[in-house]
C-alpha atoms as a PDB file:
ATOM      1  CA  MET A   1    -101.884   4.035  95.998  1.00  0.00           C
ATOM      2  CA  ASP A   2    -103.633   1.607  93.685  1.00  0.00           C
ATOM      3  CA  LYS A   3    -106.636   1.338  95.988  1.00  0.00           C
ATOM      4  CA  PHE A   4    -106.623   4.779  97.628  1.00  0.00           C
ATOM      5  CA  LEU A   5    -107.788   6.958  94.739  1.00  0.00           C
ATOM      6  CA  PRO A   6    -110.575   4.650  93.536  1.00  0.00           C
ATOM      7  CA  GLU A   7    -111.798   4.483  97.138  1.00  0.00           C
ATOM      8  CA  LEU A   8    -111.634   8.279  97.360  1.00  0.00           C
ATOM      9  CA  GLY A   9    -113.686   8.507  94.174  1.00  0.00           C
ATOM     10  CA  LYS A  10    -116.237   6.064  95.532  1.00  0.00           C
ATOM     11  CA  ARG A  11    -116.608   8.081  98.735  1.00  0.00           C
ATOM     12  CA  LEU A  12    -116.994  11.274  96.699  1.00  0.00           C
ATOM     13  CA  ARG A  13    -119.781   9.699  94.635  1.00  0.00           C
ATOM     14  CA  GLU A  14    -121.540   8.445  97.774  1.00  0.00           C
ATOM     15  CA  ALA A  15    -121.266  11.851  99.461  1.00  0.00           C
ATOM     16  CA  ARG A  16    -122.554  13.619  96.342  1.00  0.00           C
ATOM     17  CA  LYS A  17    -125.602  11.353  96.212  1.00  0.00           C
ATOM     18  CA  ARG A  18    -126.231  11.712  99.935  1.00  0.00           C
ATOM     19  CA  HIS A  19    -125.876  15.520 100.128  1.00  0.00           C
ATOM     20  CA  PHE A  20    -127.330  16.395  96.717  1.00  0.00           C
ATOM     21  CA  PRO A  21    -129.589  13.473  95.754  1.00  0.00           C
ATOM     22  CA  GLN A  22    -131.272  15.497  93.012  1.00  0.00           C
ATOM     23  CA  ASP A  23    -127.964  16.317  91.270  1.00  0.00           C
ATOM     24  CA  ASP A  24    -126.718  14.312  88.344  1.00  0.00           C
ATOM     25  CA  LEU A  25    -123.051  14.484  87.322  1.00  0.00           C
ATOM     26  CA  ARG A  26    -123.597  17.647  85.294  1.00  0.00           C
ATOM     27  CA  ALA A  27    -125.401  19.534  88.076  1.00  0.00           C
ATOM     28  CA  PHE A  28    -122.823  18.653  90.703  1.00  0.00           C
ATOM     29  CA  SER A  29    -119.923  19.433  88.379  1.00  0.00           C
ATOM     30  CA  ILE A  30    -121.351  22.943  88.011  1.00  0.00           C
ATOM     31  CA  ARG A  31    -121.512  23.271  91.819  1.00  0.00           C
ATOM     32  CA  ILE A  32    -117.812  22.443  92.158  1.00  0.00           C
ATOM     33  CA  ASP A  33    -116.766  24.346  89.015  1.00  0.00           C
ATOM     34  CA  VAL A  34    -115.352  21.436  87.022  1.00  0.00           C
ATOM     35  CA  SER A  35    -116.425  19.791  83.789  1.00  0.00           C
ATOM     36  CA  ARG A  36    -118.673  16.753  83.823  1.00  0.00           C
ATOM     37  CA  ALA A  37    -115.783  14.713  82.401  1.00  0.00           C
ATOM     38  CA  THR A  38    -113.501  15.822  85.249  1.00  0.00           C
ATOM     39  CA  LEU A  39    -116.104  14.851  87.834  1.00  0.00           C
ATOM     40  CA  GLN A  40    -116.372  11.444  86.188  1.00  0.00           C
ATOM     41  CA  LYS A  41    -112.601  11.077  86.480  1.00  0.00           C
ATOM     42  CA  MET A  42    -112.741  12.160  90.123  1.00  0.00           C
ATOM     43  CA  GLU A  43    -115.388   9.582  90.927  1.00  0.00           C
ATOM     44  CA  LYS A  44    -113.195   6.912  89.312  1.00  0.00           C
ATOM     45  CA  GLY A  45    -110.153   8.039  91.284  1.00  0.00           C
ATOM     46  CA  ASP A  46    -108.199   9.174  88.221  1.00  0.00           C
ATOM     47  CA  LEU A  47    -104.685  10.253  89.204  1.00  0.00           C
ATOM     48  CA  SER A  48    -104.664  13.058  86.609  1.00  0.00           C
ATOM     49  CA  VAL A  49    -107.134  15.168  88.618  1.00  0.00           C
ATOM     50  CA  GLY A  50    -105.499  17.703  90.939  1.00  0.00           C
ATOM     51  CA  MET A  51    -106.201  17.687  94.665  1.00  0.00           C
ATOM     52  CA  GLY A  52    -107.585  21.216  94.405  1.00  0.00           C
ATOM     53  CA  LYS A  53    -110.586  19.855  92.559  1.00  0.00           C
ATOM     54  CA  TYR A  54    -111.175  17.258  95.264  1.00  0.00           C
ATOM     55  CA  PHE A  55    -110.906  20.047  97.832  1.00  0.00           C
ATOM     56  CA  SER A  56    -113.553  22.052  95.945  1.00  0.00           C
ATOM     57  CA  ALA A  57    -115.870  19.062  96.076  1.00  0.00           C
ATOM     58  CA  ALA A  58    -115.161  18.515  99.761  1.00  0.00           C
ATOM     59  CA  LYS A  59    -115.867  22.183 100.492  1.00  0.00           C
ATOM     60  CA  VAL A  60    -119.239  22.092  98.713  1.00  0.00           C
ATOM     61  CA  LEU A  61    -120.064  18.896 100.626  1.00  0.00           C
ATOM     62  CA  GLY A  62    -119.010  20.451 103.952  1.00  0.00           C
ATOM     63  CA  LEU A  63    -116.153  17.961 104.325  1.00  0.00           C
ATOM     64  CA  GLN A  64    -113.146  20.262 103.901  1.00  0.00           C
ATOM     65  CA  HIS A  65    -112.042  19.670 107.506  1.00  0.00           C
ATOM     66  CA  ALA A  66    -110.873  16.201 106.453  1.00  0.00           C
ATOM     67  CA  PHE A  67    -108.174  17.752 104.254  1.00  0.00           C
ATOM     68  CA  ASN A  68    -106.472  19.081 107.373  1.00  0.00           C
ATOM     69  CA  LYS A  69    -105.835  15.482 108.368  1.00  0.00           C
ATOM     70  CA  LEU A  70    -104.130  14.357 105.141  1.00  0.00           C
ATOM     71  CA  PHE A  71    -100.564  14.738 106.394  1.00  0.00           C
ATOM     72  CA  HIS A  72    -101.230  14.856 110.112  1.00  0.00           C
ATOM     73  CA  GLU A  73     -99.294  12.297 112.068  1.00  0.00           C
ATOM     74  CA  GLU A  74    -100.218  11.393 115.592  1.00  0.00           C
ATOM     75  CA  ARG A  75     -97.182  11.733 117.791  1.00  0.00           C
ATOM     76  CA  GLY A  76     -96.576   9.008 120.287  1.00  0.00           C
ATOM     77  CA  LEU A  77     -95.777   9.597 123.930  1.00  0.00           C
ATOM     78  CA  PHE A  78     -92.113   8.776 123.352  1.00  0.00           C
ATOM     79  CA  ASP A  79     -91.641  10.621 120.018  1.00  0.00           C
ATOM     80  CA  ASP A  80     -89.350  13.648 119.994  1.00  0.00           C
END
């Protein structure tokens, strides 16, 4: 988990800049209904931020479909 959340934060930051290049942290935090400080934590991958806030960001970015894959396991041909 040490690398997962910081990587998630990095991808969030990249997506924010790609989809809303004119937004600074404050503007985007308003879009996703969190404080600027919370968005900063999210972009650092801080474990204290709830997944609901990441989902809000994903929804605004049009990436909410990826959340459906979080716990999806591909079943093999021989799995019961």
